[in-house]
Amino acid sequence: MKQTFTGLLLALLLAAPALSADYKVGDRLPEGAKAKSAYKTTDWDDLLPKGWDPMAAFKGIDLAKLDDADPRAADALAQMRRAWDAAPVNPAMDGRDIRIPGFVVSLDGGPNELREFLLVPYFGACIHVPPPPANQIIHVMPDKPVKGVKNMEAVWVSGKLTIGHSDTAMGKSGYRIQAREVVKYKER
């Protein structure tokens, strides 16, 4: 059975083992109710600069015709990774106090606390599927260690967002946030 390059990316999303009874790989969190907060609830799309096309690196490439064994498929995936790792950020977001929901990708912490993590927009990112573009990853530095939150758990992060590129083993981020508050995500 011939598998296409786009089929491979979809298969990665669908075949990844479930880490949670609540979420499947690729799931995004709804913003939920607007909470009373000093921080403005922000959507992940707000982090994208106007006019940026995440698929621009593939212009002129018919991904549906690429077989996984085709070296052009590996080249296209490498081209995508380079483009997404260098994805531009939205300069209008620099310095804003925001509140954003996402999933935790642990970088540093003990068995019962997190001292540093990436926040990603969909479940499974950086763990079971390739990392999203850098403009869709936030490097989170909490003011104090976060207790009782595990890898890939859904959280709200509130704090000052700044433009700041980080290169970690789990992905490259285009933003940083000094988190004043990290709480488990609950839909209202």
N, C-alpha and C. Protein backbone atom coordinates (compact mmCIF):
# COMPACT_ATOMS: atom_id res chain seq x y z
N MET A 1 0.84 -1.18 0.00
CA MET A 1 0.00 0.00 0.00
C MET A 1 0.89 1.24 0.00
N LYS A 2 0.69 2.09 -0.97
CA LYS A 2 1.47 3.32 -1.08
C LYS A 2 0.98 4.32 -0.04
N GLN A 3 1.92 4.87 0.70
CA GLN A 3 1.57 5.89 1.69
C GLN A 3 2.19 7.20 1.25
N THR A 4 1.41 8.26 1.23
CA THR A 4 1.91 9.56 0.81
C THR A 4 2.54 10.27 1.99
N PHE A 5 3.30 11.29 1.68
CA PHE A 5 3.95 12.11 2.71
C PHE A 5 2.91 12.72 3.64
N THR A 6 1.86 13.32 3.07
CA THR A 6 0.81 13.90 3.92
C THR A 6 0.11 12.81 4.71
N GLY A 7 -0.02 11.64 4.12
CA GLY A 7 -0.60 10.51 4.84
C GLY A 7 0.26 10.12 6.03
N LEU A 8 1.58 10.21 5.85
CA LEU A 8 2.50 9.89 6.94
C LEU A 8 2.32 10.86 8.10
N LEU A 9 2.24 12.15 7.81
CA LEU A 9 2.04 13.12 8.88
C LEU A 9 0.71 12.89 9.60
N LEU A 10 -0.35 12.58 8.83
CA LEU A 10 -1.64 12.29 9.44
C LEU A 10 -1.56 11.01 10.26
N ALA A 11 -0.86 10.00 9.74
CA ALA A 11 -0.72 8.74 10.48
C ALA A 11 0.02 8.96 11.79
N LEU A 12 1.02 9.83 11.79
CA LEU A 12 1.74 10.13 13.04
C LEU A 12 0.78 10.69 14.09
N LEU A 13 -0.11 11.56 13.64
CA LEU A 13 -1.07 12.13 14.57
C LEU A 13 -2.06 11.09 15.09
N LEU A 14 -2.55 10.24 14.19
CA LEU A 14 -3.60 9.30 14.56
C LEU A 14 -3.08 8.05 15.26
N ALA A 15 -1.84 7.63 14.96
CA ALA A 15 -1.33 6.38 15.50
C ALA A 15 -0.62 6.54 16.83
N ALA A 16 -0.35 7.76 17.21
CA ALA A 16 0.35 7.98 18.48
C ALA A 16 -0.49 7.47 19.63
N PRO A 17 0.14 6.83 20.60
CA PRO A 17 -0.63 6.30 21.71
C PRO A 17 -1.28 7.42 22.52
N ALA A 18 -2.44 7.13 23.04
CA ALA A 18 -3.13 8.10 23.87
C ALA A 18 -2.42 8.24 25.20
N LEU A 19 -2.19 9.46 25.63
CA LEU A 19 -1.58 9.72 26.91
C LEU A 19 -2.62 10.16 27.92
N SER A 20 -3.82 10.38 27.47
CA SER A 20 -4.85 10.92 28.33
C SER A 20 -6.20 10.40 27.87
N ALA A 21 -7.06 10.15 28.81
CA ALA A 21 -8.42 9.75 28.47
C ALA A 21 -9.20 10.94 27.94
N ASP A 22 -8.74 12.15 28.25
CA ASP A 22 -9.46 13.36 27.89
C ASP A 22 -9.12 13.89 26.49
N TYR A 23 -7.91 13.64 26.02
CA TYR A 23 -7.45 14.23 24.77
C TYR A 23 -6.84 13.19 23.86
N LYS A 24 -6.97 13.46 22.54
CA LYS A 24 -6.31 12.65 21.52
C LYS A 24 -5.21 13.50 20.90
N VAL A 25 -4.20 12.86 20.33
CA VAL A 25 -3.12 13.59 19.69
C VAL A 25 -3.71 14.53 18.64
N GLY A 26 -3.29 15.78 18.70
CA GLY A 26 -3.77 16.80 17.77
C GLY A 26 -4.90 17.65 18.31
N ASP A 27 -5.53 17.23 19.44
CA ASP A 27 -6.62 18.02 20.02
C ASP A 27 -6.12 19.38 20.49
N ARG A 28 -6.94 20.41 20.26
CA ARG A 28 -6.68 21.76 20.77
C ARG A 28 -7.69 22.07 21.86
N LEU A 29 -7.35 23.01 22.71
CA LEU A 29 -8.22 23.40 23.80
C LEU A 29 -9.08 24.59 23.39
N PRO A 30 -10.39 24.54 23.69
CA PRO A 30 -11.18 25.75 23.48
C PRO A 30 -10.78 26.78 24.53
N GLU A 31 -10.96 28.04 24.20
CA GLU A 31 -10.60 29.10 25.15
C GLU A 31 -11.41 29.01 26.43
N GLY A 32 -12.60 28.47 26.34
CA GLY A 32 -13.45 28.40 27.52
C GLY A 32 -14.00 29.78 27.85
N ALA A 33 -14.59 29.89 29.01
CA ALA A 33 -15.19 31.15 29.42
C ALA A 33 -14.10 32.17 29.71
N LYS A 34 -14.40 33.41 29.46
CA LYS A 34 -13.47 34.48 29.80
C LYS A 34 -13.43 34.62 31.31
N ALA A 35 -12.27 34.45 31.88
CA ALA A 35 -12.12 34.54 33.33
C ALA A 35 -11.85 35.98 33.73
N LYS A 36 -12.22 36.31 34.93
CA LYS A 36 -11.84 37.62 35.47
C LYS A 36 -10.36 37.53 35.79
N SER A 37 -9.57 38.29 35.07
CA SER A 37 -8.13 38.20 35.21
C SER A 37 -7.48 39.49 34.75
N ALA A 38 -6.32 39.78 35.29
CA ALA A 38 -5.54 40.93 34.84
C ALA A 38 -4.88 40.63 33.50
N TYR A 39 -4.95 39.37 33.09
CA TYR A 39 -4.31 38.93 31.85
C TYR A 39 -5.36 38.72 30.76
N LYS A 40 -5.05 39.18 29.55
CA LYS A 40 -5.98 39.05 28.43
C LYS A 40 -5.91 37.62 27.88
N THR A 41 -7.07 36.97 27.81
CA THR A 41 -7.11 35.64 27.22
C THR A 41 -6.73 35.76 25.75
N THR A 42 -5.75 34.96 25.36
CA THR A 42 -5.16 35.05 24.03
C THR A 42 -5.30 33.73 23.31
N ASP A 43 -5.58 33.79 22.03
CA ASP A 43 -5.70 32.61 21.18
C ASP A 43 -4.34 32.35 20.51
N TRP A 44 -4.05 31.11 20.22
CA TRP A 44 -2.77 30.77 19.57
C TRP A 44 -2.60 31.47 18.23
N ASP A 45 -3.69 31.71 17.52
CA ASP A 45 -3.59 32.41 16.23
C ASP A 45 -3.09 33.84 16.39
N ASP A 46 -3.27 34.42 17.58
CA ASP A 46 -2.76 35.78 17.82
C ASP A 46 -1.23 35.83 17.76
N LEU A 47 -0.59 34.68 17.95
CA LEU A 47 0.88 34.62 17.94
C LEU A 47 1.45 34.59 16.52
N LEU A 48 0.59 34.38 15.53
CA LEU A 48 1.03 34.30 14.13
C LEU A 48 1.08 35.70 13.52
N PRO A 49 2.16 36.02 12.81
CA PRO A 49 2.18 37.32 12.12
C PRO A 49 1.20 37.30 10.95
N LYS A 50 0.63 38.44 10.66
CA LYS A 50 -0.32 38.54 9.55
C LYS A 50 0.35 38.12 8.24
N GLY A 51 -0.37 37.30 7.49
CA GLY A 51 0.11 36.89 6.18
C GLY A 51 1.09 35.73 6.17
N TRP A 52 1.50 35.24 7.34
CA TRP A 52 2.44 34.12 7.37
C TRP A 52 1.75 32.84 6.95
N ASP A 53 2.35 32.09 6.04
CA ASP A 53 1.78 30.84 5.53
C ASP A 53 2.69 29.69 5.95
N PRO A 54 2.22 28.83 6.87
CA PRO A 54 3.07 27.72 7.31
C PRO A 54 3.36 26.70 6.21
N MET A 55 2.60 26.73 5.15
CA MET A 55 2.81 25.79 4.06
C MET A 55 3.59 26.39 2.89
N ALA A 56 4.10 27.60 3.05
CA ALA A 56 4.83 28.28 1.97
C ALA A 56 6.04 27.48 1.50
N ALA A 57 6.66 26.73 2.40
CA ALA A 57 7.84 25.94 2.04
C ALA A 57 7.51 24.84 1.05
N PHE A 58 6.23 24.54 0.90
CA PHE A 58 5.82 23.44 0.02
C PHE A 58 5.24 23.91 -1.31
N LYS A 59 5.29 25.21 -1.57
CA LYS A 59 4.77 25.71 -2.84
C LYS A 59 5.49 25.00 -3.99
N GLY A 60 4.70 24.47 -4.91
CA GLY A 60 5.27 23.78 -6.06
C GLY A 60 5.58 22.31 -5.82
N ILE A 61 5.35 21.81 -4.62
CA ILE A 61 5.59 20.39 -4.33
C ILE A 61 4.24 19.71 -4.16
N ASP A 62 3.97 18.67 -4.94
CA ASP A 62 2.73 17.92 -4.81
C ASP A 62 2.97 16.81 -3.79
N LEU A 63 2.67 17.10 -2.54
CA LEU A 63 2.93 16.17 -1.45
C LEU A 63 2.16 14.86 -1.61
N ALA A 64 0.99 14.93 -2.22
CA ALA A 64 0.17 13.73 -2.40
C ALA A 64 0.84 12.71 -3.31
N LYS A 65 1.78 13.15 -4.12
CA LYS A 65 2.45 12.24 -5.05
C LYS A 65 3.77 11.70 -4.50
N LEU A 66 4.14 12.09 -3.30
CA LEU A 66 5.40 11.61 -2.74
C LEU A 66 5.17 10.36 -1.91
N ASP A 67 5.85 9.30 -2.27
CA ASP A 67 5.84 8.06 -1.51
C ASP A 67 6.83 8.21 -0.36
N ASP A 68 6.57 7.54 0.74
CA ASP A 68 7.46 7.67 1.89
C ASP A 68 8.90 7.25 1.58
N ALA A 69 9.07 6.34 0.66
CA ALA A 69 10.42 5.88 0.29
C ALA A 69 11.12 6.86 -0.66
N ASP A 70 10.40 7.82 -1.16
CA ASP A 70 10.95 8.80 -2.09
C ASP A 70 11.85 9.76 -1.31
N PRO A 71 13.11 9.92 -1.73
CA PRO A 71 14.00 10.85 -1.03
C PRO A 71 13.48 12.28 -1.01
N ARG A 72 12.63 12.62 -1.98
CA ARG A 72 12.04 13.96 -2.00
C ARG A 72 11.11 14.17 -0.80
N ALA A 73 10.51 13.08 -0.28
CA ALA A 73 9.65 13.19 0.90
C ALA A 73 10.49 13.59 2.11
N ALA A 74 11.64 12.95 2.29
CA ALA A 74 12.53 13.28 3.40
C ALA A 74 13.05 14.72 3.25
N ASP A 75 13.35 15.10 2.01
CA ASP A 75 13.80 16.48 1.76
C ASP A 75 12.71 17.49 2.10
N ALA A 76 11.46 17.17 1.74
CA ALA A 76 10.34 18.06 2.01
C ALA A 76 10.13 18.19 3.52
N LEU A 77 10.24 17.08 4.25
CA LEU A 77 10.08 17.12 5.70
C LEU A 77 11.19 17.96 6.33
N ALA A 78 12.43 17.80 5.86
CA ALA A 78 13.54 18.60 6.38
C ALA A 78 13.34 20.08 6.04
N GLN A 79 12.83 20.37 4.86
CA GLN A 79 12.55 21.74 4.45
C GLN A 79 11.47 22.35 5.35
N MET A 80 10.43 21.55 5.65
CA MET A 80 9.38 22.02 6.55
C MET A 80 9.94 22.33 7.93
N ARG A 81 10.79 21.42 8.45
CA ARG A 81 11.34 21.62 9.79
C ARG A 81 12.17 22.90 9.85
N ARG A 82 13.00 23.15 8.83
CA ARG A 82 13.82 24.37 8.80
C ARG A 82 12.92 25.61 8.77
N ALA A 83 11.89 25.58 7.93
CA ALA A 83 10.98 26.73 7.81
C ALA A 83 10.21 26.94 9.11
N TRP A 84 9.73 25.88 9.72
CA TRP A 84 8.95 26.01 10.95
C TRP A 84 9.82 26.40 12.13
N ASP A 85 11.07 25.93 12.17
CA ASP A 85 11.97 26.31 13.26
C ASP A 85 12.32 27.80 13.20
N ALA A 86 12.24 28.37 12.01
CA ALA A 86 12.55 29.80 11.82
C ALA A 86 11.27 30.63 11.64
N ALA A 87 10.12 30.06 11.99
CA ALA A 87 8.84 30.76 11.79
C ALA A 87 8.84 32.12 12.47
N PRO A 88 8.38 33.14 11.77
CA PRO A 88 8.39 34.49 12.34
C PRO A 88 7.32 34.63 13.43
N VAL A 89 7.61 35.51 14.37
CA VAL A 89 6.67 35.79 15.47
C VAL A 89 5.89 37.06 15.16
N ASN A 90 4.88 37.31 15.95
CA ASN A 90 4.07 38.52 15.80
C ASN A 90 4.64 39.59 16.75
N PRO A 91 5.33 40.60 16.23
CA PRO A 91 5.96 41.61 17.10
C PRO A 91 4.95 42.36 17.96
N ALA A 92 3.69 42.41 17.55
CA ALA A 92 2.68 43.12 18.33
C ALA A 92 2.40 42.42 19.66
N MET A 93 2.81 41.16 19.80
CA MET A 93 2.55 40.41 21.05
C MET A 93 3.64 40.64 22.09
N ASP A 94 4.76 41.22 21.70
CA ASP A 94 5.89 41.40 22.61
C ASP A 94 5.53 42.30 23.79
N GLY A 95 5.73 41.78 24.99
CA GLY A 95 5.49 42.56 26.20
C GLY A 95 4.07 42.53 26.72
N ARG A 96 3.20 41.76 26.08
CA ARG A 96 1.80 41.72 26.52
C ARG A 96 1.61 40.77 27.71
N ASP A 97 0.71 41.16 28.59
CA ASP A 97 0.28 40.28 29.67
C ASP A 97 -0.85 39.42 29.13
N ILE A 98 -0.61 38.11 29.04
CA ILE A 98 -1.60 37.23 28.43
C ILE A 98 -1.95 36.05 29.34
N ARG A 99 -3.04 35.42 28.99
CA ARG A 99 -3.50 34.16 29.59
C ARG A 99 -3.81 33.26 28.41
N ILE A 100 -3.18 32.06 28.34
CA ILE A 100 -3.33 31.20 27.18
C ILE A 100 -3.41 29.73 27.63
N PRO A 101 -4.31 28.95 27.02
CA PRO A 101 -4.38 27.53 27.35
C PRO A 101 -3.45 26.73 26.44
N GLY A 102 -2.92 25.64 26.95
CA GLY A 102 -2.07 24.78 26.14
C GLY A 102 -1.68 23.53 26.90
N PHE A 103 -0.78 22.79 26.29
CA PHE A 103 -0.31 21.52 26.86
C PHE A 103 1.15 21.64 27.26
N VAL A 104 1.50 21.01 28.36
CA VAL A 104 2.83 21.06 28.96
C VAL A 104 3.77 20.05 28.29
N VAL A 105 4.95 20.51 27.91
CA VAL A 105 6.05 19.63 27.50
C VAL A 105 7.19 19.96 28.47
N SER A 106 7.39 19.06 29.41
CA SER A 106 8.35 19.30 30.50
C SER A 106 9.78 19.40 30.00
N LEU A 107 10.51 20.39 30.53
CA LEU A 107 11.93 20.54 30.24
C LEU A 107 12.79 20.34 31.48
N ASP A 108 12.29 20.80 32.61
CA ASP A 108 13.07 20.72 33.84
C ASP A 108 12.12 20.64 35.03
N GLY A 109 12.39 19.69 35.89
CA GLY A 109 11.57 19.56 37.09
C GLY A 109 11.80 18.21 37.74
N GLY A 110 11.27 18.08 38.92
CA GLY A 110 11.35 16.83 39.65
C GLY A 110 10.09 16.02 39.43
N PRO A 111 9.95 14.95 40.19
CA PRO A 111 8.78 14.08 40.01
C PRO A 111 7.45 14.77 40.35
N ASN A 112 7.48 15.79 41.17
CA ASN A 112 6.24 16.44 41.59
C ASN A 112 6.19 17.93 41.28
N GLU A 113 7.13 18.42 40.45
CA GLU A 113 7.10 19.85 40.14
C GLU A 113 7.75 20.13 38.80
N LEU A 114 7.34 21.24 38.20
CA LEU A 114 7.92 21.72 36.95
C LEU A 114 8.60 23.06 37.21
N ARG A 115 9.83 23.18 36.73
CA ARG A 115 10.54 24.46 36.86
C ARG A 115 10.68 25.17 35.51
N GLU A 116 10.47 24.42 34.43
CA GLU A 116 10.60 24.99 33.09
C GLU A 116 9.89 24.04 32.13
N PHE A 117 9.14 24.61 31.18
CA PHE A 117 8.45 23.76 30.20
C PHE A 117 8.11 24.54 28.95
N LEU A 118 7.75 23.80 27.91
CA LEU A 118 7.22 24.40 26.70
C LEU A 118 5.71 24.30 26.78
N LEU A 119 5.02 25.30 26.27
CA LEU A 119 3.57 25.27 26.14
C LEU A 119 3.28 25.16 24.66
N VAL A 120 2.47 24.17 24.30
CA VAL A 120 2.15 23.91 22.90
C VAL A 120 0.64 23.91 22.71
N PRO A 121 0.17 24.20 21.48
CA PRO A 121 -1.27 24.38 21.26
C PRO A 121 -2.08 23.10 21.13
N TYR A 122 -1.44 21.97 20.87
CA TYR A 122 -2.22 20.74 20.70
C TYR A 122 -1.56 19.57 21.40
N PHE A 123 -2.41 18.64 21.79
CA PHE A 123 -1.99 17.47 22.55
C PHE A 123 -1.06 16.60 21.70
N GLY A 124 0.05 16.17 22.29
CA GLY A 124 1.00 15.27 21.62
C GLY A 124 2.14 15.98 20.92
N ALA A 125 2.05 17.30 20.77
CA ALA A 125 3.10 18.05 20.08
C ALA A 125 4.43 17.87 20.80
N CYS A 126 5.50 17.69 20.05
CA CYS A 126 6.87 17.55 20.54
C CYS A 126 7.14 16.18 21.17
N ILE A 127 6.11 15.39 21.39
CA ILE A 127 6.31 14.09 22.03
C ILE A 127 6.03 12.97 21.05
N HIS A 128 4.86 13.00 20.43
CA HIS A 128 4.49 11.95 19.49
C HIS A 128 4.44 12.42 18.05
N VAL A 129 4.44 13.69 17.84
CA VAL A 129 4.40 14.24 16.49
C VAL A 129 5.44 15.35 16.41
N PRO A 130 5.83 15.73 15.21
CA PRO A 130 6.83 16.80 15.10
C PRO A 130 6.37 18.06 15.82
N PRO A 131 7.32 18.84 16.33
CA PRO A 131 6.97 20.10 16.99
C PRO A 131 6.26 21.04 16.03
N PRO A 132 5.36 21.86 16.55
CA PRO A 132 4.73 22.88 15.71
C PRO A 132 5.75 23.95 15.33
N PRO A 133 5.35 24.91 14.49
CA PRO A 133 6.25 26.02 14.17
C PRO A 133 6.67 26.75 15.44
N ALA A 134 7.84 27.36 15.40
CA ALA A 134 8.37 28.08 16.57
C ALA A 134 7.43 29.16 17.07
N ASN A 135 6.62 29.74 16.18
CA ASN A 135 5.69 30.78 16.60
C ASN A 135 4.44 30.19 17.26
N GLN A 136 4.43 28.88 17.45
CA GLN A 136 3.34 28.20 18.14
C GLN A 136 3.86 27.42 19.35
N ILE A 137 5.05 27.78 19.81
CA ILE A 137 5.64 27.18 21.01
C ILE A 137 6.09 28.32 21.93
N ILE A 138 5.70 28.21 23.21
CA ILE A 138 6.09 29.21 24.20
C ILE A 138 6.96 28.53 25.25
N HIS A 139 8.14 29.09 25.48
CA HIS A 139 9.05 28.60 26.53
C HIS A 139 8.61 29.26 27.84
N VAL A 140 8.16 28.44 28.79
CA VAL A 140 7.58 28.95 30.04
C VAL A 140 8.57 28.82 31.18
N MET A 141 8.77 29.94 31.87
CA MET A 141 9.60 30.00 33.06
C MET A 141 8.70 30.46 34.21
N PRO A 142 8.18 29.52 35.00
CA PRO A 142 7.28 29.92 36.09
C PRO A 142 8.04 30.67 37.19
N ASP A 143 7.35 31.62 37.84
CA ASP A 143 7.93 32.35 38.96
C ASP A 143 8.33 31.41 40.09
N LYS A 144 7.53 30.37 40.29
CA LYS A 144 7.82 29.36 41.31
C LYS A 144 7.51 27.99 40.71
N PRO A 145 8.16 26.93 41.18
CA PRO A 145 7.89 25.60 40.63
C PRO A 145 6.40 25.27 40.66
N VAL A 146 5.94 24.64 39.60
CA VAL A 146 4.53 24.27 39.47
C VAL A 146 4.36 22.86 40.02
N LYS A 147 3.48 22.72 40.98
CA LYS A 147 3.24 21.43 41.64
C LYS A 147 2.03 20.74 41.02
N GLY A 148 2.11 19.41 40.92
CA GLY A 148 0.95 18.61 40.53
C GLY A 148 0.55 18.67 39.07
N VAL A 149 1.43 19.11 38.19
CA VAL A 149 1.14 19.15 36.75
C VAL A 149 2.12 18.24 36.05
N LYS A 150 1.58 17.38 35.18
CA LYS A 150 2.41 16.40 34.48
C LYS A 150 2.59 16.77 33.02
N ASN A 151 3.50 16.06 32.38
CA ASN A 151 3.75 16.21 30.95
C ASN A 151 2.45 15.98 30.17
N MET A 152 2.19 16.83 29.19
CA MET A 152 1.03 16.80 28.31
C MET A 152 -0.28 17.09 29.02
N GLU A 153 -0.20 17.62 30.23
CA GLU A 153 -1.41 18.04 30.92
C GLU A 153 -1.83 19.41 30.40
N ALA A 154 -3.13 19.64 30.36
CA ALA A 154 -3.67 20.92 29.89
C ALA A 154 -3.63 21.93 31.03
N VAL A 155 -3.12 23.14 30.71
CA VAL A 155 -3.00 24.20 31.71
C VAL A 155 -3.35 25.55 31.11
N TRP A 156 -3.62 26.51 31.98
CA TRP A 156 -3.67 27.92 31.64
C TRP A 156 -2.36 28.52 32.14
N VAL A 157 -1.72 29.32 31.32
CA VAL A 157 -0.51 30.03 31.73
C VAL A 157 -0.79 31.53 31.62
N SER A 158 -0.48 32.26 32.68
CA SER A 158 -0.67 33.72 32.70
C SER A 158 0.66 34.38 33.02
N GLY A 159 0.99 35.43 32.26
CA GLY A 159 2.21 36.15 32.52
C GLY A 159 2.55 37.08 31.37
N LYS A 160 3.76 37.63 31.41
CA LYS A 160 4.22 38.56 30.38
C LYS A 160 4.89 37.77 29.26
N LEU A 161 4.34 37.90 28.05
CA LEU A 161 4.87 37.24 26.86
C LEU A 161 5.92 38.13 26.22
N THR A 162 7.06 37.56 25.87
CA THR A 162 8.10 38.30 25.16
C THR A 162 8.57 37.47 23.97
N ILE A 163 9.13 38.16 23.01
CA ILE A 163 9.75 37.46 21.89
C ILE A 163 11.10 36.98 22.38
N GLY A 164 11.36 35.72 22.21
CA GLY A 164 12.62 35.15 22.66
C GLY A 164 12.75 33.74 22.15
N HIS A 165 13.72 33.52 21.31
CA HIS A 165 13.90 32.20 20.71
C HIS A 165 14.68 31.30 21.66
N SER A 166 14.19 30.06 21.77
CA SER A 166 14.86 29.03 22.57
C SER A 166 14.99 27.78 21.71
N ASP A 167 16.07 27.08 21.87
CA ASP A 167 16.30 25.83 21.16
C ASP A 167 16.46 24.74 22.21
N THR A 168 15.45 23.89 22.36
CA THR A 168 15.50 22.81 23.33
C THR A 168 15.44 21.48 22.61
N ALA A 169 15.70 20.42 23.32
CA ALA A 169 15.63 19.07 22.74
C ALA A 169 14.22 18.73 22.27
N MET A 170 13.22 19.42 22.81
CA MET A 170 11.83 19.13 22.47
C MET A 170 11.27 20.02 21.38
N GLY A 171 11.95 21.08 21.03
CA GLY A 171 11.48 21.96 19.97
C GLY A 171 12.06 23.36 20.13
N LYS A 172 11.88 24.15 19.07
CA LYS A 172 12.35 25.53 19.07
C LYS A 172 11.16 26.45 19.27
N SER A 173 11.31 27.36 20.21
CA SER A 173 10.21 28.29 20.50
C SER A 173 10.57 29.70 20.05
N GLY A 174 9.53 30.46 19.69
CA GLY A 174 9.72 31.84 19.28
C GLY A 174 9.34 32.83 20.36
N TYR A 175 8.70 32.32 21.41
CA TYR A 175 8.25 33.19 22.50
C TYR A 175 8.69 32.62 23.84
N ARG A 176 8.72 33.52 24.83
CA ARG A 176 8.95 33.15 26.22
C ARG A 176 7.86 33.81 27.05
N ILE A 177 7.58 33.19 28.17
CA ILE A 177 6.65 33.81 29.09
C ILE A 177 7.16 33.60 30.51
N GLN A 178 7.23 34.69 31.24
CA GLN A 178 7.53 34.62 32.66
C GLN A 178 6.17 34.40 33.32
N ALA A 179 5.91 33.16 33.71
CA ALA A 179 4.57 32.79 34.18
C ALA A 179 4.35 33.19 35.63
N ARG A 180 3.39 34.04 35.83
CA ARG A 180 2.98 34.42 37.18
C ARG A 180 2.07 33.35 37.76
N GLU A 181 1.32 32.69 36.86
CA GLU A 181 0.36 31.67 37.31
C GLU A 181 0.27 30.55 36.28
N VAL A 182 0.28 29.32 36.76
CA VAL A 182 0.04 28.14 35.94
C VAL A 182 -0.99 27.31 36.70
N VAL A 183 -2.16 27.11 36.08
CA VAL A 183 -3.22 26.34 36.73
C VAL A 183 -3.75 25.30 35.74
N LYS A 184 -4.24 24.21 36.30
CA LYS A 184 -4.82 23.17 35.45
C LYS A 184 -6.00 23.74 34.68
N TYR A 185 -6.09 23.32 33.43
CA TYR A 185 -7.15 23.77 32.54
C TYR A 185 -8.47 23.09 32.90
N LYS A 186 -9.49 23.89 32.96
CA LYS A 186 -10.85 23.37 33.16
C LYS A 186 -11.76 24.16 32.24
N GLU A 187 -12.58 23.43 31.47
CA GLU A 187 -13.59 24.11 30.66
C GLU A 187 -14.73 24.52 31.59
N ARG A 188 -15.32 25.65 31.29
CA ARG A 188 -16.43 26.08 32.13
C ARG A 188 -17.73 25.88 31.41
